[in-house]
Amino acid sequence: MIHTDNKNNSNAEMMKLNNHFLILAQQQLTTDPLLARHKLGLTEAAASFISKLSPIDIMTLSDSGISAVTFRFAEGSLAHLTNYLSGDDLAITQAVLGCES
């Protein structure tokens, strides 16, 4: 029974993650498409696809059980993120810009 509850909870969390990501991505793509594509790591085709989703499409994809989100940690960014956690406020800007360490 515990296994089933964990699976149901995981599915619910995946649905929420997909829903929030797709809505946020659409909002950012509407506001500033180039910056949104860069921040979210989207190709032009993916950005176009997400921009055209209706609310019903978003709910359908969110409920699919497949992650619509891909997390990416570029090796070069990890050093900047570590520096940020150590108190270097400039490190986040460097990570976003892709500056070398």
C-alpha atoms as a PDB file:
ATOM      1  CA  MET A   1       0.000   0.000   0.000  1.00  0.00           C
ATOM      2  CA  ILE A   2       2.809   2.434   0.792  1.00  0.00           C
ATOM      3  CA  HIS A   3       4.354   1.799  -2.622  1.00  0.00           C
ATOM      4  CA  THR A   4       1.071   2.728  -4.353  1.00  0.00           C
ATOM      5  CA  ASP A   5       0.744   5.902  -2.267  1.00  0.00           C
ATOM      6  CA  ASN A   6       4.299   6.943  -3.174  1.00  0.00           C
ATOM      7  CA  LYS A   7       3.607   6.261  -6.850  1.00  0.00           C
ATOM      8  CA  ASN A   8       0.394   8.313  -6.742  1.00  0.00           C
ATOM      9  CA  ASN A   9       2.215  11.130  -4.936  1.00  0.00           C
ATOM     10  CA  SER A  10       5.040  11.043  -7.489  1.00  0.00           C
ATOM     11  CA  ASN A  11       2.546  11.212 -10.351  1.00  0.00           C
ATOM     12  CA  ALA A  12       0.754  14.147  -8.726  1.00  0.00           C
ATOM     13  CA  GLU A  13       4.062  15.961  -8.244  1.00  0.00           C
ATOM     14  CA  MET A  14       5.026  15.284 -11.878  1.00  0.00           C
ATOM     15  CA  MET A  15       1.674  16.675 -13.018  1.00  0.00           C
ATOM     16  CA  LYS A  16       2.198  19.853 -10.963  1.00  0.00           C
ATOM     17  CA  LEU A  17       5.755  20.271 -12.208  1.00  0.00           C
ATOM     18  CA  ASN A  18       4.691  19.898 -15.845  1.00  0.00           C
ATOM     19  CA  ASN A  19       1.769  22.281 -15.390  1.00  0.00           C
ATOM     20  CA  HIS A  20       3.809  24.978 -13.649  1.00  0.00           C
ATOM     21  CA  PHE A  21       6.700  24.686 -16.112  1.00  0.00           C
ATOM     22  CA  LEU A  22       4.500  24.925 -19.204  1.00  0.00           C
ATOM     23  CA  ILE A  23       2.559  27.912 -17.861  1.00  0.00           C
ATOM     24  CA  LEU A  24       5.759  29.687 -16.770  1.00  0.00           C
ATOM     25  CA  ALA A  25       7.426  28.944 -20.105  1.00  0.00           C
ATOM     26  CA  GLN A  26       4.440  30.364 -22.000  1.00  0.00           C
ATOM     27  CA  GLN A  27       4.452  33.522 -19.883  1.00  0.00           C
ATOM     28  CA  GLN A  28       8.177  34.045 -20.346  1.00  0.00           C
ATOM     29  CA  LEU A  29       7.997  33.339 -24.084  1.00  0.00           C
ATOM     30  CA  THR A  30       5.262  35.959 -24.411  1.00  0.00           C
ATOM     31  CA  THR A  31       7.215  38.565 -22.420  1.00  0.00           C
ATOM     32  CA  ASP A  32      10.693  38.091 -23.899  1.00  0.00           C
ATOM     33  CA  PRO A  33      11.036  35.167 -26.313  1.00  0.00           C
ATOM     34  CA  LEU A  34      14.809  35.326 -26.803  1.00  0.00           C
ATOM     35  CA  LEU A  35      15.597  35.563 -23.097  1.00  0.00           C
ATOM     36  CA  ALA A  36      13.070  32.831 -22.298  1.00  0.00           C
ATOM     37  CA  ARG A  37      14.600  30.486 -24.876  1.00  0.00           C
ATOM     38  CA  HIS A  38      18.043  31.099 -23.409  1.00  0.00           C
ATOM     39  CA  LYS A  39      16.978  30.695 -19.762  1.00  0.00           C
ATOM     40  CA  LEU A  40      14.883  27.604 -20.419  1.00  0.00           C
ATOM     41  CA  GLY A  41      17.254  26.036 -22.943  1.00  0.00           C
ATOM     42  CA  LEU A  42      14.577  25.766 -25.625  1.00  0.00           C
ATOM     43  CA  THR A  43      15.069  25.376 -29.327  1.00  0.00           C
ATOM     44  CA  GLU A  44      13.034  27.610 -31.605  1.00  0.00           C
ATOM     45  CA  ALA A  45      10.784  24.641 -32.416  1.00  0.00           C
ATOM     46  CA  ALA A  46      10.184  23.826 -28.734  1.00  0.00           C
ATOM     47  CA  ALA A  47       9.465  27.492 -27.962  1.00  0.00           C
ATOM     48  CA  SER A  48       6.987  27.651 -30.829  1.00  0.00           C
ATOM     49  CA  PHE A  49       5.305  24.435 -29.676  1.00  0.00           C
ATOM     50  CA  ILE A  50       4.955  25.639 -26.070  1.00  0.00           C
ATOM     51  CA  SER A  51       3.744  29.090 -27.145  1.00  0.00           C
ATOM     52  CA  LYS A  52       0.889  27.558 -29.140  1.00  0.00           C
ATOM     53  CA  LEU A  53      -0.440  25.272 -26.376  1.00  0.00           C
ATOM     54  CA  SER A  54      -4.001  25.916 -25.236  1.00  0.00           C
ATOM     55  CA  PRO A  55      -4.926  25.562 -21.560  1.00  0.00           C
ATOM     56  CA  ILE A  56      -6.488  22.179 -22.376  1.00  0.00           C
ATOM     57  CA  ASP A  57      -3.282  21.103 -24.167  1.00  0.00           C
ATOM     58  CA  ILE A  58      -1.263  22.063 -21.078  1.00  0.00           C
ATOM     59  CA  MET A  59      -3.539  20.012 -18.819  1.00  0.00           C
ATOM     60  CA  THR A  60      -3.380  17.032 -21.205  1.00  0.00           C
ATOM     61  CA  LEU A  61       0.429  17.137 -21.319  1.00  0.00           C
ATOM     62  CA  SER A  62       0.635  17.703 -17.559  1.00  0.00           C
ATOM     63  CA  ASP A  63      -1.494  14.620 -16.937  1.00  0.00           C
ATOM     64  CA  SER A  64       0.485  12.440 -19.370  1.00  0.00           C
ATOM     65  CA  GLY A  65       2.871  11.073 -16.740  1.00  0.00           C
ATOM     66  CA  ILE A  66       5.838  12.019 -18.910  1.00  0.00           C
ATOM     67  CA  SER A  67       8.133  14.802 -17.770  1.00  0.00           C
ATOM     68  CA  ALA A  68       7.898  17.882 -19.972  1.00  0.00           C
ATOM     69  CA  VAL A  69      10.863  19.343 -18.107  1.00  0.00           C
ATOM     70  CA  THR A  70      14.508  18.563 -18.659  1.00  0.00           C
ATOM     71  CA  PHE A  71      16.944  19.759 -16.032  1.00  0.00           C
ATOM     72  CA  ARG A  72      20.344  20.742 -17.318  1.00  0.00           C
ATOM     73  CA  PHE A  73      23.507  21.504 -15.427  1.00  0.00           C
ATOM     74  CA  ALA A  74      26.290  22.577 -17.717  1.00  0.00           C
ATOM     75  CA  GLU A  75      29.662  21.604 -16.271  1.00  0.00           C
ATOM     76  CA  GLY A  76      30.870  25.193 -16.604  1.00  0.00           C
ATOM     77  CA  SER A  77      27.935  26.477 -14.575  1.00  0.00           C
ATOM     78  CA  LEU A  78      28.542  24.156 -11.627  1.00  0.00           C
ATOM     79  CA  ALA A  79      31.620  26.102 -10.487  1.00  0.00           C
ATOM     80  CA  HIS A  80      29.647  29.357 -10.622  1.00  0.00           C
ATOM     81  CA  LEU A  81      26.747  27.832  -8.681  1.00  0.00           C
ATOM     82  CA  THR A  82      29.170  26.556  -6.047  1.00  0.00           C
ATOM     83  CA  ASN A  83      30.711  30.026  -5.795  1.00  0.00           C
ATOM     84  CA  TYR A  84      27.251  31.567  -5.433  1.00  0.00           C
ATOM     85  CA  LEU A  85      26.459  29.246  -2.521  1.00  0.00           C
ATOM     86  CA  SER A  86      29.714  30.447  -0.944  1.00  0.00           C
ATOM     87  CA  GLY A  87      28.523  34.059  -1.083  1.00  0.00           C
ATOM     88  CA  ASP A  88      29.735  35.289  -4.483  1.00  0.00           C
ATOM     89  CA  ASP A  89      26.660  37.180  -5.778  1.00  0.00           C
ATOM     90  CA  LEU A  90      28.277  37.803  -9.171  1.00  0.00           C
ATOM     91  CA  ALA A  91      28.571  34.050  -9.792  1.00  0.00           C
ATOM     92  CA  ILE A  92      24.908  33.714 -10.825  1.00  0.00           C
ATOM     93  CA  THR A  93      25.342  36.369 -13.509  1.00  0.00           C
ATOM     94  CA  GLN A  94      28.458  34.607 -14.712  1.00  0.00           C
ATOM     95  CA  ALA A  95      26.620  31.273 -14.838  1.00  0.00           C
ATOM     96  CA  VAL A  96      23.778  32.770 -16.884  1.00  0.00           C
ATOM     97  CA  LEU A  97      26.188  34.467 -19.268  1.00  0.00           C
ATOM     98  CA  GLY A  98      28.309  31.343 -19.601  1.00  0.00           C
ATOM     99  CA  CYS A  99      31.507  33.026 -18.390  1.00  0.00           C
ATOM    100  CA  GLU A 100      34.550  30.846 -17.811  1.00  0.00           C
ATOM    101  CA  SER A 101      35.715  30.290 -14.240  1.00  0.00           C
END
